[in-house]
Amino acid sequence: MTQDSARRDSDGSLTADSGWEPTDSAPLVVDLDGTLLRSDLLIEGFLAIVAANPLAALFSLGSLRHGIAAFKAGIAAHTVDLETLPWNLPFVAWLEAEYARGRKIYLASASDRRWVEAIAAYFGFFAGWFASDGRINLKGRAKADALRRAFGEKGFDYAGNESADLTVWAAAAGVLVVNGSSKIQRIVRSRWPSSTNFESPQPSLKVYGRAIRMHQWLKNLLLLVPALAAHQFNVRTGAVCLIAFLSFSLCASSAYVLNDLIDLGRDRAHTTKRFRPLAAGAVPIRHGLALFPLLLGSSLFLALLISLPFVAILATYYVLTLAYSLYLKRQIMIDVVTLACLYGMRVAAGGIAIDVHLSTWLIAFCIFLFCSLALAKRCIEISSRLASGAGDPKGRAYRSSDLHVLESLSAGSGFTAVLVFALYVSSPSVTILYRYPEYLWLTSVVLVYWIGRLLILAHRGDMDDDPVAFAATDWPSLVCVGIAAATFVLSL
């Protein structure tokens, strides 16, 4: 078989030329995005710019008028941390074994040459690379043509994962499917029965549940507080609260997914957040991009069933969450106040849903309690990094030396919330709703215990990064909830 040969330029890229000699095994050409990497570099790079400077990300879209290759070149001007990217490690190990037995391996990607060159050097076993260059987008037919010029028709094996690779597989001698969807696997098997498939576990419903953080939906039970505080116990109120809960939960999940997409780099540098499905590559990044608008749309549909004021507070919550993810979370104390407001907006949304005005007592109690929980969350992050020797938190305005100040602020705010509750119990207002308000004093004692224990565990580093989620699975906290509920019933 006559083959066009290939040479390696001084910069490592391949161009058609003379001097390439076939070996016993055909050279193996490996795709990057979705194959070697469980993600997409272009999306990763763009989201990194969004996280650092949203305006710069918006302006970068202007380069699309010169073509997708020019856009990729502009995004590639920003570096990515190769160490923390979610590489397909089993496939990398197989490639290393192929390299060890003398096989020539090349990297071919539609990503920009700056990134591809850096990745080829990072792994060390690539004999050369092919990439987009700012003018040509090396994808599909363009990639197939480049590989034909370098190795000749049927002169190479190719490992890919998506429909754009079908054209490349048609030009290859050997077909390898890595991380391919079930649809791609069926198409490839029908066209190339002798193809090789590298099985990769597909994300389960449980993994998607983790991606949308369904366990965090417990926070949205705060929407029930106004109904309980106003003693609104009827079927209509229950139905409205259920719809409001589902609407707010879907909205919050959309915000969580969007936050995780924006924070991919920072999450991968975090001791526990690096295991989040999007950061770890367990859920494809493209699925995340589809998930957050789908969840948001479903949330708005349910919100419209309640009222326009409820839609308004839901929209405000989402905008504030986005502002927090992009900017506010990196501002000292503003991040804490914002988190407290996001907690409080759940309570306010519950009041709007059933058309109940919140009392000044409830508002004051929520302000101090939620500020305490937000401060505790920052304490947990710093304690975790100190325990692992990781230094100051990345992407935050705090230093490790701020821990004692934050702990003091959290304790002060938490016990001020207890004081507000105690003043309410001793005020004339309490007799309007409760026949036996003296039983509510026991709730004050429970709050002192729960807040104090929470702060001690946070200081020790014995807690996850969210105190509310921790409380939902912590049996002493659940006992506290049970006691508080019993005192509430007794006091009616």
Protein backbone atom coordinates (compact mmCIF):
# COMPACT_ATOMS: atom_id res chain seq x y z
CA MET A 1 0.00 0.00 0.00
CA THR A 2 1.36 3.38 -0.97
CA GLN A 3 1.38 5.83 1.92
CA ASP A 4 2.09 9.52 2.22
CA SER A 5 4.73 9.96 4.86
CA ALA A 6 5.06 12.38 7.74
CA ARG A 7 7.77 14.30 9.51
CA ARG A 8 7.78 16.06 12.83
CA ASP A 9 8.46 19.80 12.80
CA SER A 10 10.77 21.33 15.37
CA ASP A 11 7.72 22.37 17.38
CA GLY A 12 6.37 18.79 17.48
CA SER A 13 3.51 19.14 14.99
CA LEU A 14 3.20 16.86 11.97
CA THR A 15 3.16 17.87 8.33
CA ALA A 16 3.16 15.83 5.11
CA ASP A 17 6.71 15.12 3.93
CA SER A 18 9.06 12.26 3.14
CA GLY A 19 10.92 10.06 5.59
CA TRP A 20 8.17 8.31 7.56
CA GLU A 21 8.61 4.56 7.74
CA PRO A 22 5.86 2.15 8.85
CA THR A 23 6.43 -0.06 11.88
CA ASP A 24 5.04 -3.50 12.72
CA SER A 25 2.06 -1.81 14.37
CA ALA A 26 0.22 1.02 12.66
CA PRO A 27 0.72 4.35 14.39
CA LEU A 28 -2.06 5.12 16.82
CA VAL A 29 -3.71 8.56 16.64
CA VAL A 30 -5.64 9.60 19.73
CA ASP A 31 -8.38 12.20 19.99
CA LEU A 32 -8.27 14.57 22.98
CA ASP A 33 -11.66 15.91 24.05
CA GLY A 34 -13.92 13.14 25.35
CA THR A 35 -11.31 10.45 24.63
CA LEU A 36 -8.04 11.12 26.39
CA LEU A 37 -9.79 13.76 28.49
CA ARG A 38 -13.17 13.29 30.17
CA SER A 39 -14.12 16.83 29.29
CA ASP A 40 -13.90 19.45 26.54
CA LEU A 41 -10.97 21.87 26.59
CA LEU A 42 -12.75 24.63 24.68
CA ILE A 43 -15.67 24.66 27.11
CA GLU A 44 -13.29 24.36 30.06
CA GLY A 45 -11.25 27.31 28.82
CA PHE A 46 -14.27 29.50 28.14
CA LEU A 47 -15.78 28.75 31.56
CA ALA A 48 -12.44 29.56 33.19
CA ILE A 49 -12.56 33.00 31.54
CA VAL A 50 -16.17 33.44 32.69
CA ALA A 51 -15.06 32.68 36.26
CA ALA A 52 -12.14 35.10 36.11
CA ASN A 53 -13.69 37.93 34.09
CA PRO A 54 -17.26 37.60 32.73
CA LEU A 55 -16.85 40.69 30.52
CA ALA A 56 -13.70 39.28 28.92
CA ALA A 57 -15.61 36.07 28.18
CA LEU A 58 -18.38 38.08 26.53
CA PHE A 59 -15.90 40.03 24.39
CA SER A 60 -14.13 36.81 23.39
CA LEU A 61 -17.29 35.71 21.56
CA GLY A 62 -16.59 38.47 19.03
CA SER A 63 -13.76 36.39 17.56
CA LEU A 64 -16.36 33.91 16.30
CA ARG A 65 -16.87 36.19 13.30
CA HIS A 66 -13.44 34.99 12.12
CA GLY A 67 -14.41 31.35 12.54
CA ILE A 68 -14.37 28.72 15.27
CA ALA A 69 -10.62 28.12 14.89
CA ALA A 70 -9.90 31.80 15.64
CA PHE A 71 -12.22 31.62 18.65
CA LYS A 72 -10.35 28.57 19.94
CA ALA A 73 -7.04 30.37 19.50
CA GLY A 74 -8.28 33.27 21.58
CA ILE A 75 -9.52 31.00 24.37
CA ALA A 76 -6.24 29.04 24.32
CA ALA A 77 -4.36 32.21 25.27
CA HIS A 78 -5.52 31.37 28.79
CA THR A 79 -3.74 28.46 30.44
CA VAL A 80 -5.43 25.47 32.09
CA ASP A 81 -4.08 23.37 34.95
CA LEU A 82 -3.18 20.07 33.29
CA GLU A 83 -2.54 18.38 36.63
CA THR A 84 -6.15 18.65 37.80
CA LEU A 85 -7.98 17.93 34.53
CA PRO A 86 -10.12 14.74 34.56
CA TRP A 87 -7.97 12.49 32.39
CA ASN A 88 -9.23 9.09 31.28
CA LEU A 89 -6.71 7.28 33.47
CA PRO A 90 -7.46 3.67 32.42
CA PHE A 91 -7.01 4.68 28.78
CA VAL A 92 -3.85 6.63 29.63
CA ALA A 93 -2.45 3.48 31.29
CA TRP A 94 -3.22 1.47 28.14
CA LEU A 95 -1.49 4.09 25.98
CA GLU A 96 1.58 3.95 28.22
CA ALA A 97 1.66 0.19 27.76
CA GLU A 98 1.44 0.59 23.97
CA TYR A 99 4.24 3.15 24.08
CA ALA A 100 6.38 0.84 26.20
CA ARG A 101 6.17 -1.86 23.54
CA GLY A 102 7.38 0.58 20.89
CA ARG A 103 4.22 1.82 19.27
CA LYS A 104 4.14 5.33 17.81
CA ILE A 105 1.34 7.37 19.34
CA TYR A 106 0.13 10.76 18.11
CA LEU A 107 -2.33 13.27 19.53
CA ALA A 108 -4.89 14.79 17.15
CA SER A 109 -7.38 17.33 18.43
CA ALA A 110 -9.66 20.11 17.26
CA SER A 111 -8.39 22.11 20.25
CA ASP A 112 -5.89 24.88 19.62
CA ARG A 113 -2.24 23.97 19.07
CA ARG A 114 -1.04 25.76 22.22
CA TRP A 115 -3.05 23.45 24.43
CA VAL A 116 -2.40 20.33 22.37
CA GLU A 117 1.36 20.92 22.34
CA ALA A 118 1.37 21.41 26.11
CA ILE A 119 -0.63 18.21 26.67
CA ALA A 120 1.61 16.18 24.35
CA ALA A 121 4.65 17.38 26.32
CA TYR A 122 2.86 16.72 29.62
CA PHE A 123 2.35 13.03 28.92
CA GLY A 124 5.64 12.46 27.16
CA PHE A 125 4.65 9.41 25.12
CA PHE A 126 3.30 11.25 22.06
CA ALA A 127 5.57 11.19 19.00
CA GLY A 128 3.80 14.27 17.60
CA TRP A 129 0.54 16.09 17.43
CA PHE A 130 -2.10 17.60 15.15
CA ALA A 131 -4.25 20.57 16.18
CA SER A 132 -6.30 23.57 15.07
CA ASP A 133 -4.09 26.56 14.30
CA GLY A 134 -6.35 29.62 14.36
CA ARG A 135 -7.27 29.21 10.70
CA ILE A 136 -8.24 25.56 10.26
CA ASN A 137 -10.55 23.82 12.72
CA LEU A 138 -9.10 20.30 12.80
CA LYS A 139 -12.32 18.38 13.23
CA GLY A 140 -14.14 15.76 11.21
CA ARG A 141 -13.15 15.84 7.53
CA ALA A 142 -10.32 18.34 8.15
CA LYS A 143 -8.76 15.97 10.68
CA ALA A 144 -9.25 12.97 8.38
CA ASP A 145 -7.55 14.80 5.50
CA ALA A 146 -4.61 15.84 7.70
CA LEU A 147 -4.09 12.26 8.89
CA ARG A 148 -4.32 10.91 5.33
CA ARG A 149 -1.62 13.35 4.25
CA ALA A 150 0.56 12.31 7.16
CA PHE A 151 0.07 8.54 7.18
CA GLY A 152 -1.79 7.64 4.00
CA GLU A 153 -5.20 6.06 3.54
CA LYS A 154 -5.68 3.28 6.10
CA GLY A 155 -2.18 3.98 7.39
CA PHE A 156 -3.10 4.59 11.02
CA ASP A 157 -5.38 3.48 13.83
CA TYR A 158 -7.63 6.07 15.40
CA ALA A 159 -9.19 6.39 18.87
CA GLY A 160 -12.16 8.73 19.14
CA ASN A 161 -15.52 9.08 20.82
CA GLU A 162 -18.12 11.11 18.89
CA SER A 163 -19.99 11.44 15.61
CA ALA A 164 -17.41 13.92 14.24
CA ASP A 165 -14.90 11.05 14.38
CA LEU A 166 -16.87 8.86 11.95
CA THR A 167 -15.13 10.53 9.00
CA VAL A 168 -11.75 9.92 10.60
CA TRP A 169 -12.52 6.27 11.39
CA ALA A 170 -13.45 5.80 7.71
CA ALA A 171 -9.87 6.75 6.78
CA ALA A 172 -8.26 4.62 9.50
CA ALA A 173 -7.04 1.03 9.45
CA GLY A 174 -8.08 0.32 13.03
CA VAL A 175 -11.10 1.76 14.83
CA LEU A 176 -11.05 2.34 18.60
CA VAL A 177 -14.06 3.81 20.42
CA VAL A 178 -13.28 5.37 23.79
CA ASN A 179 -16.00 6.85 26.00
CA GLY A 180 -18.46 6.60 23.14
CA SER A 181 -22.19 6.88 23.76
CA SER A 182 -24.36 3.80 23.21
CA LYS A 183 -25.54 5.35 19.92
CA ILE A 184 -21.97 5.85 18.66
CA GLN A 185 -21.04 2.32 19.71
CA ARG A 186 -23.97 0.89 17.71
CA ILE A 187 -23.06 2.91 14.61
CA VAL A 188 -19.40 1.91 14.80
CA ARG A 189 -20.18 -1.78 15.33
CA SER A 190 -22.48 -1.77 12.31
CA ARG A 191 -19.85 -0.14 10.04
CA TRP A 192 -16.68 -1.67 11.47
CA PRO A 193 -17.47 -5.01 13.15
CA SER A 194 -13.82 -5.53 14.07
CA SER A 195 -13.63 -2.22 15.98
CA THR A 196 -12.36 -2.09 19.56
CA ASN A 197 -14.48 -0.52 22.27
CA PHE A 198 -13.00 0.76 25.52
CA GLU A 199 -15.88 0.43 27.94
CA SER A 200 -16.38 3.37 30.26
CA PRO A 201 -19.05 3.49 32.97
CA GLN A 202 -21.91 5.75 31.96
CA PRO A 203 -23.16 8.17 34.61
CA SER A 204 -26.06 6.71 36.59
CA LEU A 205 -29.12 8.53 37.89
CA LYS A 206 -27.40 8.59 41.28
CA VAL A 207 -24.44 10.46 39.77
CA TYR A 208 -26.78 12.97 38.12
CA GLY A 209 -28.52 13.34 41.48
CA ARG A 210 -25.18 14.24 43.00
CA ALA A 211 -24.50 16.67 40.14
CA ILE A 212 -27.72 18.58 40.81
CA ARG A 213 -27.09 18.19 44.57
CA MET A 214 -30.45 16.72 45.48
CA HIS A 215 -29.26 16.36 49.08
CA GLN A 216 -29.21 20.16 49.22
CA TRP A 217 -32.95 20.24 48.57
CA LEU A 218 -33.37 19.86 52.32
CA LYS A 219 -32.48 23.55 52.62
CA ASN A 220 -35.65 24.35 50.72
CA LEU A 221 -37.75 23.02 53.58
CA LEU A 222 -37.21 26.56 54.88
CA LEU A 223 -40.10 27.47 52.56
CA LEU A 224 -42.39 25.74 55.09
CA VAL A 225 -41.34 28.02 57.95
CA PRO A 226 -43.89 30.81 57.25
CA ALA A 227 -46.75 28.28 57.05
CA LEU A 228 -45.69 26.67 60.33
CA ALA A 229 -45.07 29.99 62.06
CA ALA A 230 -48.49 31.31 60.97
CA HIS A 231 -50.17 27.95 61.81
CA GLN A 232 -51.49 27.59 58.25
CA PHE A 233 -52.37 23.89 58.21
CA ASN A 234 -54.70 22.95 55.35
CA VAL A 235 -54.72 21.04 52.07
CA ARG A 236 -54.41 24.11 49.85
CA THR A 237 -51.43 25.46 51.78
CA GLY A 238 -49.81 22.03 51.65
CA ALA A 239 -50.24 21.77 47.88
CA VAL A 240 -48.88 25.29 47.29
CA CYS A 241 -45.91 24.62 49.58
CA LEU A 242 -45.13 21.39 47.72
CA ILE A 243 -45.12 23.14 44.33
CA ALA A 244 -43.03 25.97 45.78
CA PHE A 245 -40.58 23.45 47.25
CA LEU A 246 -40.16 21.65 43.93
CA SER A 247 -39.83 24.93 42.02
CA PHE A 248 -37.19 26.31 44.37
CA SER A 249 -35.34 22.99 44.46
CA LEU A 250 -35.09 22.81 40.67
CA CYS A 251 -34.01 26.46 40.57
CA ALA A 252 -31.34 25.85 43.22
CA SER A 253 -30.11 22.76 41.36
CA SER A 254 -29.79 24.79 38.17
CA ALA A 255 -27.73 27.35 40.08
CA TYR A 256 -25.58 24.59 41.62
CA VAL A 257 -24.82 23.08 38.20
CA LEU A 258 -23.98 26.50 36.75
CA ASN A 259 -21.78 27.26 39.76
CA ASP A 260 -19.96 23.94 39.37
CA LEU A 261 -19.36 24.64 35.68
CA ILE A 262 -17.90 28.06 36.46
CA ASP A 263 -15.86 26.73 39.37
CA LEU A 264 -14.36 23.64 37.70
CA GLY A 265 -10.76 24.74 38.23
CA ARG A 266 -11.21 25.77 41.85
CA ASP A 267 -13.23 22.68 42.72
CA ARG A 268 -10.49 20.41 41.38
CA ALA A 269 -7.99 22.12 43.67
CA HIS A 270 -10.29 21.56 46.68
CA THR A 271 -9.85 18.57 48.99
CA THR A 272 -13.49 17.40 48.76
CA LYS A 273 -15.10 19.41 45.95
CA ARG A 274 -12.81 17.74 43.41
CA PHE A 275 -15.06 14.68 43.70
CA ARG A 276 -18.12 16.57 42.44
CA PRO A 277 -19.38 14.82 39.27
CA LEU A 278 -18.64 17.69 36.87
CA ALA A 279 -15.21 18.43 38.33
CA ALA A 280 -14.28 14.74 38.33
CA GLY A 281 -15.55 14.19 34.80
CA ALA A 282 -18.17 11.64 35.97
CA VAL A 283 -20.83 13.74 34.25
CA PRO A 284 -19.85 15.12 30.81
CA ILE A 285 -19.43 18.87 30.79
CA ARG A 286 -21.82 19.13 27.83
CA HIS A 287 -24.51 17.46 29.92
CA GLY A 288 -23.97 20.11 32.57
CA LEU A 289 -24.47 22.82 29.95
CA ALA A 290 -27.79 21.23 29.01
CA LEU A 291 -28.87 20.53 32.58
CA PHE A 292 -28.84 24.00 34.07
CA PRO A 293 -31.25 25.64 31.55
CA LEU A 294 -33.51 22.56 31.62
CA LEU A 295 -33.76 22.70 35.41
CA LEU A 296 -34.32 26.45 35.36
CA GLY A 297 -37.08 26.20 32.77
CA SER A 298 -38.87 23.50 34.78
CA SER A 299 -38.56 25.64 37.90
CA LEU A 300 -40.08 28.69 36.22
CA PHE A 301 -42.98 26.62 34.88
CA LEU A 302 -43.87 25.47 38.40
CA ALA A 303 -43.40 28.99 39.77
CA LEU A 304 -45.94 30.34 37.30
CA LEU A 305 -48.50 27.99 38.83
CA ILE A 306 -48.15 29.87 42.12
CA SER A 307 -47.97 33.60 41.41
CA LEU A 308 -45.97 36.28 39.63
CA PRO A 309 -44.50 37.60 42.93
CA PHE A 310 -43.17 34.08 43.56
CA VAL A 311 -41.62 34.08 40.06
CA ALA A 312 -40.03 37.44 40.88
CA ILE A 313 -38.36 36.24 44.09
CA LEU A 314 -37.25 33.05 42.35
CA ALA A 315 -35.65 35.12 39.58
CA THR A 316 -34.01 37.39 42.17
CA TYR A 317 -32.63 34.33 43.95
CA TYR A 318 -31.15 33.00 40.71
CA VAL A 319 -29.58 36.32 39.72
CA LEU A 320 -28.09 36.74 43.19
CA THR A 321 -26.75 33.19 43.06
CA LEU A 322 -25.13 33.90 39.69
CA ALA A 323 -23.62 37.14 41.03
CA TYR A 324 -22.31 35.16 43.99
CA SER A 325 -20.70 32.55 41.75
CA LEU A 326 -19.08 35.09 39.44
CA TYR A 327 -17.97 37.78 41.85
CA LEU A 328 -19.47 38.12 45.33
CA LYS A 329 -18.02 34.87 46.69
CA ARG A 330 -14.54 36.39 46.43
CA GLN A 331 -15.40 39.52 48.47
CA ILE A 332 -14.68 39.51 52.19
CA MET A 333 -17.87 39.33 54.32
CA ILE A 334 -20.03 40.22 51.31
CA ASP A 335 -19.98 36.52 50.48
CA VAL A 336 -21.26 35.67 53.95
CA VAL A 337 -24.06 38.23 53.82
CA THR A 338 -25.02 36.98 50.35
CA LEU A 339 -25.17 33.37 51.54
CA ALA A 340 -27.35 34.45 54.47
CA CYS A 341 -29.64 36.31 52.07
CA LEU A 342 -29.94 33.22 49.88
CA TYR A 343 -31.04 31.23 52.93
CA GLY A 344 -33.44 33.99 53.94
CA MET A 345 -34.96 34.26 50.48
CA ARG A 346 -36.23 30.71 50.88
CA VAL A 347 -38.21 31.77 53.95
CA ALA A 348 -39.44 34.90 52.16
CA ALA A 349 -40.48 32.79 49.15
CA GLY A 350 -42.50 30.53 51.42
CA GLY A 351 -44.36 33.55 52.78
CA ILE A 352 -45.05 34.88 49.28
CA ALA A 353 -46.27 31.48 48.10
CA ILE A 354 -49.05 31.31 50.73
CA ASP A 355 -49.51 35.09 50.99
CA VAL A 356 -48.37 35.40 54.61
CA HIS A 357 -46.41 38.39 55.90
CA LEU A 358 -43.28 37.54 57.90
CA SER A 359 -43.11 38.95 61.42
CA THR A 360 -40.21 41.15 62.45
CA TRP A 361 -39.31 38.50 65.05
CA LEU A 362 -38.94 35.82 62.37
CA ILE A 363 -36.96 38.12 60.10
CA ALA A 364 -34.52 39.07 62.88
CA PHE A 365 -34.11 35.43 63.94
CA CYS A 366 -33.39 34.33 60.36
CA ILE A 367 -30.86 37.10 59.74
CA PHE A 368 -28.65 36.14 62.69
CA LEU A 369 -29.07 32.37 62.35
CA PHE A 370 -28.30 32.33 58.64
CA CYS A 371 -25.30 34.63 59.05
CA SER A 372 -24.01 32.21 61.68
CA LEU A 373 -24.40 29.24 59.31
CA ALA A 374 -22.75 31.12 56.43
CA LEU A 375 -19.80 32.05 58.64
CA ALA A 376 -19.59 28.45 59.87
CA LYS A 377 -19.33 27.30 56.26
CA ARG A 378 -16.28 29.52 55.75
CA CYS A 379 -14.78 28.19 59.00
CA ILE A 380 -15.24 24.62 57.76
CA GLU A 381 -13.44 25.40 54.49
CA ILE A 382 -10.47 26.97 56.27
CA SER A 383 -10.27 24.20 58.90
CA SER A 384 -10.27 21.59 56.14
CA ARG A 385 -7.41 23.29 54.30
CA LEU A 386 -5.41 23.71 57.49
CA ALA A 387 -5.83 20.01 58.28
CA SER A 388 -4.56 19.05 54.82
CA GLY A 389 -1.78 21.65 54.81
CA ALA A 390 -3.24 23.26 51.68
CA GLY A 391 -2.80 26.87 52.83
CA ASP A 392 -5.17 29.76 52.26
CA PRO A 393 -8.49 29.00 50.49
CA LYS A 394 -8.35 29.54 46.74
CA GLY A 395 -10.87 31.90 45.21
CA ARG A 396 -11.81 33.38 48.59
CA ALA A 397 -10.95 36.64 50.31
CA TYR A 398 -9.94 34.92 53.55
CA ARG A 399 -6.67 33.72 54.97
CA SER A 400 -6.10 30.79 57.25
CA SER A 401 -5.23 33.24 60.02
CA ASP A 402 -8.81 34.61 59.83
CA LEU A 403 -10.25 31.40 61.25
CA HIS A 404 -10.51 32.58 64.86
CA VAL A 405 -12.21 35.83 63.84
CA LEU A 406 -14.72 33.99 61.68
CA GLU A 407 -15.43 31.49 64.46
CA SER A 408 -16.09 34.36 66.89
CA LEU A 409 -18.41 36.08 64.43
CA SER A 410 -20.28 32.84 63.77
CA ALA A 411 -20.75 32.16 67.49
CA GLY A 412 -21.83 35.73 68.20
CA SER A 413 -24.35 35.71 65.36
CA GLY A 414 -25.70 32.28 66.30
CA PHE A 415 -26.29 33.09 69.95
CA THR A 416 -27.83 36.44 68.99
CA ALA A 417 -30.39 34.40 67.05
CA VAL A 418 -31.09 32.45 70.25
CA LEU A 419 -31.52 35.73 72.12
CA VAL A 420 -34.02 36.98 69.52
CA PHE A 421 -35.98 33.75 69.92
CA ALA A 422 -35.95 34.07 73.72
CA LEU A 423 -37.15 37.67 73.54
CA TYR A 424 -39.98 36.56 71.27
CA VAL A 425 -41.03 33.82 73.70
CA SER A 426 -41.16 36.37 76.54
CA SER A 427 -43.01 39.00 74.48
CA PRO A 428 -46.81 39.62 74.35
CA SER A 429 -46.74 38.69 70.64
CA VAL A 430 -46.27 35.02 71.40
CA THR A 431 -49.67 34.69 73.10
CA ILE A 432 -51.46 35.45 69.83
CA LEU A 433 -50.46 32.10 68.34
CA TYR A 434 -49.56 29.92 71.33
CA ARG A 435 -51.67 28.86 74.32
CA TYR A 436 -48.71 27.45 76.26
CA PRO A 437 -45.66 29.48 75.12
CA GLU A 438 -43.62 28.43 78.16
CA TYR A 439 -42.86 25.14 76.40
CA LEU A 440 -40.97 27.11 73.74
CA TRP A 441 -38.21 27.87 76.24
CA LEU A 442 -36.98 24.32 75.72
CA THR A 443 -36.36 25.20 72.05
CA SER A 444 -34.01 27.98 73.21
CA VAL A 445 -31.98 25.42 75.16
CA VAL A 446 -31.92 23.09 72.13
CA LEU A 447 -30.70 25.96 69.91
CA VAL A 448 -27.86 26.75 72.33
CA TYR A 449 -26.76 23.11 72.28
CA TRP A 450 -27.09 22.70 68.50
CA ILE A 451 -25.27 25.90 67.54
CA GLY A 452 -22.50 25.33 70.09
CA ARG A 453 -21.95 21.74 68.96
CA LEU A 454 -21.97 22.81 65.31
CA LEU A 455 -19.22 25.37 65.90
CA ILE A 456 -17.05 22.93 67.86
CA LEU A 457 -17.29 20.29 65.13
CA ALA A 458 -16.52 22.92 62.49
CA HIS A 459 -13.42 23.98 64.44
CA ARG A 460 -12.27 20.36 64.72
CA GLY A 461 -12.77 19.76 61.01
CA ASP A 462 -15.29 16.99 61.72
CA MET A 463 -17.92 18.42 59.38
CA ASP A 464 -18.61 18.59 55.65
CA ASP A 465 -18.43 21.91 53.85
CA ASP A 466 -22.11 22.71 54.43
CA PRO A 467 -23.53 22.81 57.99
CA VAL A 468 -27.15 22.42 56.84
CA ALA A 469 -26.42 19.33 54.75
CA PHE A 470 -24.39 17.95 57.64
CA ALA A 471 -27.26 18.47 60.08
CA ALA A 472 -29.60 16.50 57.81
CA THR A 473 -27.56 13.31 58.36
CA ASP A 474 -26.29 14.00 61.89
CA TRP A 475 -28.39 12.09 64.45
CA PRO A 476 -27.92 14.56 67.35
CA SER A 477 -29.13 17.33 65.03
CA LEU A 478 -32.13 15.24 64.04
CA VAL A 479 -32.92 14.64 67.71
CA CYS A 480 -32.81 18.42 68.22
CA VAL A 481 -35.30 18.87 65.39
CA GLY A 482 -37.55 16.26 66.98
CA ILE A 483 -37.45 17.97 70.38
CA ALA A 484 -38.15 21.39 68.84
CA ALA A 485 -41.10 19.93 66.89
CA ALA A 486 -42.49 18.37 70.07
CA THR A 487 -42.26 21.62 72.01
CA PHE A 488 -43.97 23.41 69.11
CA VAL A 489 -46.90 20.97 69.24
CA LEU A 490 -47.15 21.17 73.05
CA SER A 491 -47.23 24.94 72.99
CA LEU A 492 -50.19 25.20 70.58
